[in-house]
C-alpha atoms as a PDB file:
ATOM      1  CA  MET A   1      -0.166  -0.117   0.261  1.00  0.00           C
ATOM      2  CA  ALA A   2       0.968   4.068  -0.744  1.00  0.00           C
ATOM      3  CA  GLU A   3       1.855   5.017   2.705  1.00  0.00           C
ATOM      4  CA  SER A   4      -0.174   8.114   2.874  1.00  0.00           C
ATOM      5  CA  ALA A   5      -2.983   9.480   0.654  1.00  0.00           C
ATOM      6  CA  GLU A   6      -2.152  11.651  -2.319  1.00  0.00           C
ATOM      7  CA  LEU A   7      -1.506  15.958  -1.910  1.00  0.00           C
ATOM      8  CA  PRO A   8      -2.195  18.298  -3.738  1.00  0.00           C
ATOM      9  CA  PRO A   9       0.747  20.633  -5.892  1.00  0.00           C
ATOM     10  CA  GLY A  10      -0.440  23.620  -3.678  1.00  0.00           C
ATOM     11  CA  MET A  11       0.166  21.855  -0.824  1.00  0.00           C
ATOM     12  CA  VAL A  12       3.130  25.064   1.017  1.00  0.00           C
ATOM     13  CA  GLU A  13       5.406  24.507   4.202  1.00  0.00           C
ATOM     14  CA  ALA A  14       4.841  26.254   7.308  1.00  0.00           C
ATOM     15  CA  THR A  15       6.517  27.231  10.373  1.00  0.00           C
ATOM     16  CA  MET A  16       3.620  27.323  11.976  1.00  0.00           C
ATOM     17  CA  ILE A  17      -0.030  26.113  11.910  1.00  0.00           C
ATOM     18  CA  ALA A  18      -2.973  28.246  10.919  1.00  0.00           C
ATOM     19  CA  ASN A  19      -5.980  29.075  12.925  1.00  0.00           C
ATOM     20  CA  SER A  20      -3.614  27.998  15.561  1.00  0.00           C
ATOM     21  CA  ASP A  21      -6.683  28.350  18.202  1.00  0.00           C
ATOM     22  CA  HIS A  22      -8.649  25.774  17.561  1.00  0.00           C
ATOM     23  CA  VAL A  23      -6.086  23.279  18.534  1.00  0.00           C
ATOM     24  CA  LEU A  24      -4.544  24.825  21.383  1.00  0.00           C
ATOM     25  CA  ARG A  25      -8.803  25.209  22.524  1.00  0.00           C
ATOM     26  CA  LYS A  26      -8.084  21.356  22.139  1.00  0.00           C
ATOM     27  CA  LEU A  27      -5.064  20.408  23.463  1.00  0.00           C
ATOM     28  CA  ASP A  28      -5.369  22.636  26.062  1.00  0.00           C
ATOM     29  CA  TYR A  29      -8.048  21.623  28.580  1.00  0.00           C
ATOM     30  CA  GLY A  30      -7.112  22.330  32.177  1.00  0.00           C
ATOM     31  CA  ARG A  31      -3.858  22.531  31.601  1.00  0.00           C
ATOM     32  CA  ARG A  32      -3.770  26.036  30.667  1.00  0.00           C
ATOM     33  CA  PHE A  33       0.050  25.687  28.922  1.00  0.00           C
ATOM     34  CA  THR A  34       3.049  28.414  29.358  1.00  0.00           C
ATOM     35  CA  PRO A  35       3.174  31.193  26.379  1.00  0.00           C
ATOM     36  CA  GLU A  36       6.783  29.307  25.777  1.00  0.00           C
ATOM     37  CA  GLU A  37       4.134  26.282  24.864  1.00  0.00           C
ATOM     38  CA  GLN A  38       2.131  27.628  23.111  1.00  0.00           C
ATOM     39  CA  GLU A  39       5.257  29.161  21.628  1.00  0.00           C
ATOM     40  CA  VAL A  40       6.533  25.727  21.135  1.00  0.00           C
ATOM     41  CA  LEU A  41       2.916  24.093  19.938  1.00  0.00           C
ATOM     42  CA  ARG A  42       2.639  27.715  16.510  1.00  0.00           C
ATOM     43  CA  ARG A  43       6.066  26.813  15.365  1.00  0.00           C
ATOM     44  CA  LEU A  44       5.410  22.862  14.484  1.00  0.00           C
ATOM     45  CA  PRO A  45       7.023  22.772  11.875  1.00  0.00           C
ATOM     46  CA  VAL A  46       4.203  21.318   9.048  1.00  0.00           C
ATOM     47  CA  GLN A  47       3.332  21.253   5.415  1.00  0.00           C
ATOM     48  CA  ILE A  48      -0.282  22.793   5.128  1.00  0.00           C
ATOM     49  CA  ALA A  49      -1.811  20.938   2.585  1.00  0.00           C
ATOM     50  CA  SER A  50      -6.005  21.530   0.704  1.00  0.00           C
ATOM     51  CA  PHE A  51      -8.522  18.956  -0.094  1.00  0.00           C
ATOM     52  CA  ARG A  52     -11.822  18.586  -1.617  1.00  0.00           C
ATOM     53  CA  ALA A  53     -14.569  16.593  -0.481  1.00  0.00           C
ATOM     54  CA  GLY A  54     -14.362  12.677  -1.424  1.00  0.00           C
ATOM     55  CA  HIS A  55     -10.745  12.782  -0.923  1.00  0.00           C
ATOM     56  CA  HIS A  56      -9.317  10.140   1.154  1.00  0.00           C
ATOM     57  CA  LEU A  57      -6.529  11.336   3.315  1.00  0.00           C
ATOM     58  CA  VAL A  58      -5.351   8.263   4.896  1.00  0.00           C
ATOM     59  CA  ARG A  59      -7.170   4.424   3.922  1.00  0.00           C
ATOM     60  CA  GLU A  60      -6.558   1.421   5.449  1.00  0.00           C
ATOM     61  CA  GLY A  61      -3.317  -0.420   5.318  1.00  0.00           C
ATOM     62  CA  ASP A  62      -1.513   2.471   4.735  1.00  0.00           C
ATOM     63  CA  ARG A  63       2.303   3.732   6.652  1.00  0.00           C
ATOM     64  CA  PRO A  64       1.950   6.895   7.341  1.00  0.00           C
ATOM     65  CA  LYS A  65       5.492   8.725   8.096  1.00  0.00           C
ATOM     66  CA  ARG A  66       3.174  11.681   9.776  1.00  0.00           C
ATOM     67  CA  CYS A  67      -0.136  13.115  10.766  1.00  0.00           C
ATOM     68  CA  PHE A  68      -2.505  15.544  10.176  1.00  0.00           C
ATOM     69  CA  VAL A  69      -4.037  18.514  12.177  1.00  0.00           C
ATOM     70  CA  LEU A  70      -7.186  19.539  10.806  1.00  0.00           C
ATOM     71  CA  LEU A  71      -7.702  23.209  10.519  1.00  0.00           C
ATOM     72  CA  ASP A  72     -10.784  23.965   8.309  1.00  0.00           C
ATOM     73  CA  GLY A  73     -13.392  21.587   7.546  1.00  0.00           C
ATOM     74  CA  PHE A  74     -14.688  17.997   8.169  1.00  0.00           C
ATOM     75  CA  ILE A  75     -13.506  14.603   8.177  1.00  0.00           C
ATOM     76  CA  CYS A  76     -14.478  10.962   9.308  1.00  0.00           C
ATOM     77  CA  ALA A  77     -13.567   7.750  10.723  1.00  0.00           C
ATOM     78  CA  SER A  78     -14.413   4.539   8.231  1.00  0.00           C
ATOM     79  CA  LYS A  79     -14.540   1.045   8.307  1.00  0.00           C
ATOM     80  CA  HIS A  80     -14.800   0.033   3.660  1.00  0.00           C
ATOM     81  CA  LEU A  81     -16.285  -3.868   3.866  1.00  0.00           C
ATOM     82  CA  GLY A  82     -17.477  -5.457   0.559  1.00  0.00           C
ATOM     83  CA  GLU A  83     -19.979  -4.319  -1.997  1.00  0.00           C
ATOM     84  CA  GLY A  84     -19.490  -0.499  -1.482  1.00  0.00           C
ATOM     85  CA  ARG A  85     -20.261  -0.340   2.129  1.00  0.00           C
ATOM     86  CA  ARG A  86     -19.507   1.572   4.913  1.00  0.00           C
ATOM     87  CA  GLN A  87     -19.048   2.449   8.834  1.00  0.00           C
ATOM     88  CA  ILE A  88     -18.512   6.006  10.369  1.00  0.00           C
ATOM     89  CA  ALA A  89     -16.692   5.290  13.007  1.00  0.00           C
ATOM     90  CA  SER A  90     -16.113   9.057  14.317  1.00  0.00           C
ATOM     91  CA  PHE A  91     -16.570  12.748  12.346  1.00  0.00           C
ATOM     92  CA  TYR A  92     -13.578  15.554  13.266  1.00  0.00           C
ATOM     93  CA  VAL A  93     -14.083  19.097  13.482  1.00  0.00           C
ATOM     94  CA  PRO A  94     -11.307  21.734  12.876  1.00  0.00           C
ATOM     95  CA  GLY A  95      -8.596  21.367  16.091  1.00  0.00           C
ATOM     96  CA  ASP A  96      -8.847  17.962  16.325  1.00  0.00           C
ATOM     97  CA  ILE A  97      -6.022  15.282  15.223  1.00  0.00           C
ATOM     98  CA  PRO A  98      -6.996  11.422  13.824  1.00  0.00           C
ATOM     99  CA  ASP A  99      -4.231   9.320  13.266  1.00  0.00           C
ATOM    100  CA  LEU A 100      -2.835  10.086  15.974  1.00  0.00           C
ATOM    101  CA  GLN A 101      -2.275   6.564  17.094  1.00  0.00           C
ATOM    102  CA  SER A 102       0.254   5.576  13.687  1.00  0.00           C
ATOM    103  CA  LEU A 103       2.733   8.171  14.588  1.00  0.00           C
ATOM    104  CA  HIS A 104       3.070   4.816  17.565  1.00  0.00           C
ATOM    105  CA  LEU A 105       0.685   2.402  14.951  1.00  0.00           C
ATOM    106  CA  LYS A 106       2.608   1.380  11.365  1.00  0.00           C
ATOM    107  CA  VAL A 107      -0.531   0.184  10.040  1.00  0.00           C
ATOM    108  CA  MET A 108      -3.277   2.027  10.223  1.00  0.00           C
ATOM    109  CA  ASP A 109      -6.547  -0.031  10.003  1.00  0.00           C
ATOM    110  CA  ILE A 110      -9.242   3.159   9.191  1.00  0.00           C
ATOM    111  CA  ALA A 111      -9.520   5.592   6.714  1.00  0.00           C
ATOM    112  CA  PHE A 112      -9.692   9.357   6.829  1.00  0.00           C
ATOM    113  CA  ASP A 113     -12.176  10.997   4.346  1.00  0.00           C
ATOM    114  CA  THR A 114     -12.334  13.772   3.626  1.00  0.00           C
ATOM    115  CA  VAL A 115     -16.195  14.928   4.720  1.00  0.00           C
ATOM    116  CA  THR A 116     -16.583  18.715   2.799  1.00  0.00           C
ATOM    117  CA  PRO A 117     -12.876  20.621   1.526  1.00  0.00           C
ATOM    118  CA  CYS A 118     -10.728  20.820   4.273  1.00  0.00           C
ATOM    119  CA  THR A 119      -8.015  22.034   5.502  1.00  0.00           C
ATOM    120  CA  VAL A 120      -5.390  20.047   7.159  1.00  0.00           C
ATOM    121  CA  ALA A 121      -1.367  20.893   8.814  1.00  0.00           C
ATOM    122  CA  LEU A 122       0.872  17.797   8.347  1.00  0.00           C
ATOM    123  CA  VAL A 123       3.506  17.137  10.346  1.00  0.00           C
ATOM    124  CA  ALA A 124       6.373  14.839   9.661  1.00  0.00           C
ATOM    125  CA  HIS A 125       5.794  11.267  12.863  1.00  0.00           C
ATOM    126  CA  GLU A 126       9.626  13.094  13.945  1.00  0.00           C
ATOM    127  CA  ALA A 127       8.606  16.109  14.702  1.00  0.00           C
ATOM    128  CA  LEU A 128       6.172  15.087  16.888  1.00  0.00           C
ATOM    129  CA  GLN A 129       8.136  12.582  18.679  1.00  0.00           C
ATOM    130  CA  ASN A 130      11.180  15.244  19.920  1.00  0.00           C
ATOM    131  CA  LEU A 131       8.426  17.474  20.991  1.00  0.00           C
ATOM    132  CA  CYS A 132       6.472  14.937  23.224  1.00  0.00           C
ATOM    133  CA  ASN A 133      10.208  13.764  24.331  1.00  0.00           C
ATOM    134  CA  ASP A 134      10.816  17.333  25.457  1.00  0.00           C
ATOM    135  CA  HIS A 135       7.342  18.575  26.249  1.00  0.00           C
ATOM    136  CA  PRO A 136       6.690  15.966  28.462  1.00  0.00           C
ATOM    137  CA  ARG A 137       3.170  18.484  29.209  1.00  0.00           C
ATOM    138  CA  LEU A 138       2.971  18.809  25.004  1.00  0.00           C
ATOM    139  CA  ALA A 139       3.262  14.933  25.255  1.00  0.00           C
ATOM    140  CA  SER A 140       0.529  14.163  27.460  1.00  0.00           C
ATOM    141  CA  ALA A 141      -2.157  16.465  26.472  1.00  0.00           C
ATOM    142  CA  LEU A 142      -1.581  14.417  22.622  1.00  0.00           C
ATOM    143  CA  TRP A 143      -1.750  11.319  25.105  1.00  0.00           C
ATOM    144  CA  ARG A 144      -5.953  12.852  26.140  1.00  0.00           C
ATOM    145  CA  THR A 145      -6.903  13.385  22.880  1.00  0.00           C
ATOM    146  CA  THR A 146      -5.771   9.801  21.488  1.00  0.00           C
ATOM    147  CA  LEU A 147      -8.122   8.348  25.287  1.00  0.00           C
ATOM    148  CA  VAL A 148     -10.287  11.284  24.654  1.00  0.00           C
ATOM    149  CA  ASP A 149     -10.871   9.340  20.698  1.00  0.00           C
ATOM    150  CA  ALA A 150     -11.251   5.919  21.582  1.00  0.00           C
ATOM    151  CA  ALA A 151     -14.370   7.367  24.235  1.00  0.00           C
ATOM    152  CA  ILE A 152     -16.094   8.081  21.451  1.00  0.00           C
ATOM    153  CA  TYR A 153     -15.553   4.707  19.428  1.00  0.00           C
ATOM    154  CA  ARG A 154     -16.913   3.487  22.817  1.00  0.00           C
ATOM    155  CA  GLU A 155     -20.306   5.318  23.055  1.00  0.00           C
ATOM    156  CA  TRP A 156     -20.771   4.898  19.112  1.00  0.00           C
ATOM    157  CA  VAL A 157     -20.554   1.469  19.403  1.00  0.00           C
ATOM    158  CA  ALA A 158     -23.376   2.125  22.287  1.00  0.00           C
ATOM    159  CA  THR A 159     -25.196   4.117  20.269  1.00  0.00           C
ATOM    160  CA  VAL A 160     -25.731   1.707  17.654  1.00  0.00           C
ATOM    161  CA  GLY A 161     -25.639  -0.849  18.537  1.00  0.00           C
ATOM    162  CA  GLN A 162     -28.613   0.003  21.564  1.00  0.00           C
ATOM    163  CA  ARG A 163     -30.692   3.070  20.095  1.00  0.00           C
ATOM    164  CA  SER A 164     -33.603   3.799  18.782  1.00  0.00           C
ATOM    165  CA  ALA A 165     -32.924   5.789  15.318  1.00  0.00           C
ATOM    166  CA  ASP A 166     -34.451   9.089  17.485  1.00  0.00           C
ATOM    167  CA  ALA A 167     -31.688   8.988  19.807  1.00  0.00           C
ATOM    168  CA  ARG A 168     -28.621   7.520  17.375  1.00  0.00           C
ATOM    169  CA  LEU A 169     -29.247  10.912  15.584  1.00  0.00           C
ATOM    170  CA  ALA A 170     -30.432  13.252  18.573  1.00  0.00           C
ATOM    171  CA  HIS A 171     -27.029  12.451  20.639  1.00  0.00           C
ATOM    172  CA  LEU A 172     -24.397  13.117  17.276  1.00  0.00           C
ATOM    173  CA  PHE A 173     -26.460  16.649  16.880  1.00  0.00           C
ATOM    174  CA  CYS A 174     -25.807  16.764  20.569  1.00  0.00           C
ATOM    175  CA  GLU A 175     -21.980  15.247  20.644  1.00  0.00           C
ATOM    176  CA  LEU A 176     -20.660  17.640  17.868  1.00  0.00           C
ATOM    177  CA  PHE A 177     -23.020  20.947  19.230  1.00  0.00           C
ATOM    178  CA  LEU A 178     -20.780  20.943  22.182  1.00  0.00           C
ATOM    179  CA  ARG A 179     -17.105  19.457  20.142  1.00  0.00           C
ATOM    180  CA  LEU A 180     -17.517  22.250  17.757  1.00  0.00           C
ATOM    181  CA  ASN A 181     -17.889  24.933  20.225  1.00  0.00           C
ATOM    182  CA  ALA A 182     -15.144  23.478  22.624  1.00  0.00           C
ATOM    183  CA  VAL A 183     -13.261  25.181  19.980  1.00  0.00           C
ATOM    184  CA  GLY A 184     -15.325  28.142  19.198  1.00  0.00           C
ATOM    185  CA  LEU A 185     -17.085  27.301  16.331  1.00  0.00           C
ATOM    186  CA  THR A 186     -20.532  27.717  17.115  1.00  0.00           C
ATOM    187  CA  GLU A 187     -23.175  30.029  17.863  1.00  0.00           C
ATOM    188  CA  GLN A 188     -26.132  31.001  20.221  1.00  0.00           C
ATOM    189  CA  ASN A 189     -27.733  26.973  18.867  1.00  0.00           C
ATOM    190  CA  SER A 190     -26.599  26.875  15.711  1.00  0.00           C
ATOM    191  CA  CYS A 191     -23.624  25.579  14.499  1.00  0.00           C
ATOM    192  CA  GLU A 192     -22.284  24.179  11.055  1.00  0.00           C
ATOM    193  CA  TRP A 193     -23.821  21.068   9.524  1.00  0.00           C
ATOM    194  CA  PRO A 194     -22.284  19.516   5.963  1.00  0.00           C
ATOM    195  CA  MET A 195     -22.959  15.557   5.838  1.00  0.00           C
ATOM    196  CA  THR A 196     -25.284  13.605   4.229  1.00  0.00           C
ATOM    197  CA  GLN A 197     -28.083  12.080   5.741  1.00  0.00           C
ATOM    198  CA  ALA A 198     -26.257   8.945   3.551  1.00  0.00           C
ATOM    199  CA  GLU A 199     -23.646   9.993   5.706  1.00  0.00           C
ATOM    200  CA  LEU A 200     -26.178  10.453   8.202  1.00  0.00           C
ATOM    201  CA  GLY A 201     -27.297   7.044   7.629  1.00  0.00           C
ATOM    202  CA  ASP A 202     -24.303   5.733   7.834  1.00  0.00           C
ATOM    203  CA  ALA A 203     -22.847   6.648  10.841  1.00  0.00           C
ATOM    204  CA  ALA A 204     -26.090   5.917  12.240  1.00  0.00           C
ATOM    205  CA  GLY A 205     -26.470   2.018  10.668  1.00  0.00           C
ATOM    206  CA  ILE A 206     -29.645   3.148   9.743  1.00  0.00           C
ATOM    207  CA  SER A 207     -30.926   2.991   5.365  1.00  0.00           C
ATOM    208  CA  VAL A 208     -31.768   6.819   3.575  1.00  0.00           C
ATOM    209  CA  VAL A 209     -34.540   6.683   4.063  1.00  0.00           C
ATOM    210  CA  HIS A 210     -34.822   5.840   8.237  1.00  0.00           C
ATOM    211  CA  VAL A 211     -32.842   8.875   8.082  1.00  0.00           C
ATOM    212  CA  ASN A 212     -35.357  11.452   6.186  1.00  0.00           C
ATOM    213  CA  ARG A 213     -37.838   9.775   8.328  1.00  0.00           C
ATOM    214  CA  THR A 214     -36.306  10.866  11.416  1.00  0.00           C
ATOM    215  CA  LEU A 215     -35.317  13.725  10.539  1.00  0.00           C
ATOM    216  CA  GLN A 216     -38.828  14.879  10.299  1.00  0.00           C
ATOM    217  CA  LYS A 217     -40.039  13.440  13.301  1.00  0.00           C
ATOM    218  CA  LEU A 218     -36.844  15.803  15.236  1.00  0.00           C
ATOM    219  CA  ARG A 219     -38.106  18.900  12.915  1.00  0.00           C
ATOM    220  CA  ALA A 220     -41.936  17.987  14.339  1.00  0.00           C
ATOM    221  CA  ASP A 221     -41.219  17.257  17.384  1.00  0.00           C
ATOM    222  CA  LYS A 222     -40.254  21.402  17.250  1.00  0.00           C
ATOM    223  CA  LEU A 223     -36.002  19.642  18.755  1.00  0.00           C
ATOM    224  CA  ILE A 224     -34.363  20.915  16.013  1.00  0.00           C
ATOM    225  CA  GLN A 225     -34.151  22.484  12.455  1.00  0.00           C
ATOM    226  CA  LEU A 226     -31.836  21.799   9.964  1.00  0.00           C
ATOM    227  CA  GLY A 227     -31.302  23.071   6.211  1.00  0.00           C
ATOM    228  CA  ASN A 228     -28.464  24.739   4.135  1.00  0.00           C
ATOM    229  CA  LYS A 229     -25.932  22.865   5.757  1.00  0.00           C
ATOM    230  CA  ARG A 230     -26.749  24.464   8.819  1.00  0.00           C
ATOM    231  CA  LEU A 231     -28.187  22.573  12.066  1.00  0.00           C
ATOM    232  CA  THR A 232     -30.165  24.492  15.078  1.00  0.00           C
ATOM    233  CA  ILE A 233     -31.207  22.880  18.110  1.00  0.00           C
ATOM    234  CA  LEU A 234     -34.218  24.578  18.916  1.00  0.00           C
ATOM    235  CA  ASP A 235     -35.100  22.443  22.271  1.00  0.00           C
ATOM    236  CA  TRP A 236     -31.637  21.210  23.419  1.00  0.00           C
ATOM    237  CA  ASP A 237     -33.138  19.334  27.074  1.00  0.00           C
ATOM    238  CA  ARG A 238     -35.781  17.685  25.145  1.00  0.00           C
ATOM    239  CA  LEU A 239     -33.007  16.055  22.453  1.00  0.00           C
ATOM    240  CA  CYS A 240     -31.114  15.372  25.056  1.00  0.00           C
ATOM    241  CA  ALA A 241     -33.011  13.125  26.513  1.00  0.00           C
ATOM    242  CA  VAL A 242     -34.756  12.366  23.077  1.00  0.00           C
ATOM    243  CA  ALA A 243     -31.185  10.680  22.714  1.00  0.00           C
ATOM    244  CA  ASP A 244     -30.306   9.620  25.967  1.00  0.00           C
ATOM    245  CA  PHE A 245     -27.046  11.864  26.261  1.00  0.00           C
ATOM    246  CA  ASP A 246     -24.724  12.132  28.911  1.00  0.00           C
ATOM    247  CA  ALA A 247     -21.270  14.012  27.425  1.00  0.00           C
ATOM    248  CA  THR A 248     -19.030  12.468  30.172  1.00  0.00           C
ATOM    249  CA  TYR A 249     -17.850  11.385  27.558  1.00  0.00           C
ATOM    250  CA  LEU A 250     -16.214  14.199  25.909  1.00  0.00           C
ATOM    251  CA  HIS A 251     -14.352  15.276  29.001  1.00  0.00           C
ATOM    252  CA  LEU A 252     -14.313  18.599  28.343  1.00  0.00           C
ATOM    253  CA  ASP A 253     -14.851  19.469  31.701  1.00  0.00           C
ATOM    254  CA  ASP A 254     -12.095  17.702  33.450  1.00  0.00           C
END
């Protein structure tokens, strides 16, 4: 297999992660990074690259030599099955480092695809290893992100295995709204929502027809508004009740 997905010709070298506030918000939960630590993160040598929607950033079986930080857009992690089927295992928002496990697990067992046009910062494994060796608090913050990702995977298993269709979509709305809010990408009770009904079906493990019917019910119950790639939550408490949502697994308030 290829070592990594092809890079666009417009890729540029950089010494500072653009839009790094999202990354700092993501990593700095409860740690209060010093100005020096923040500067180390901002000056991590990276390559900035942009990709169209539907691009395979990482394929199962790849052996990447770098990780990527999502700066702008949405990415999904998925397992690809026979006959063109797939199960989306998570969505990622700006500030996330979806494939950090590749720093230690050399062969990828999951794929990462762009849901929207995306901008990412590519960071060589060697640079990340040096950062971890030289700055233990930053290494701890990176380790924490992989633990939170694992907690999200566990919650998604419970959702697909045990929750109703209404609860599955309501749970996804609650989760992503809070994750976007944590990096400053919500406006009151509204956030960007570019996922198609097909992608929601692949995430929730239900058909597109079932997704459409479930969305109609959530709208009719005046829990959400969804249109023009925008989600508005009309009644947070009732939506959480439908979803059986407990945000503990996101570890946003440690």
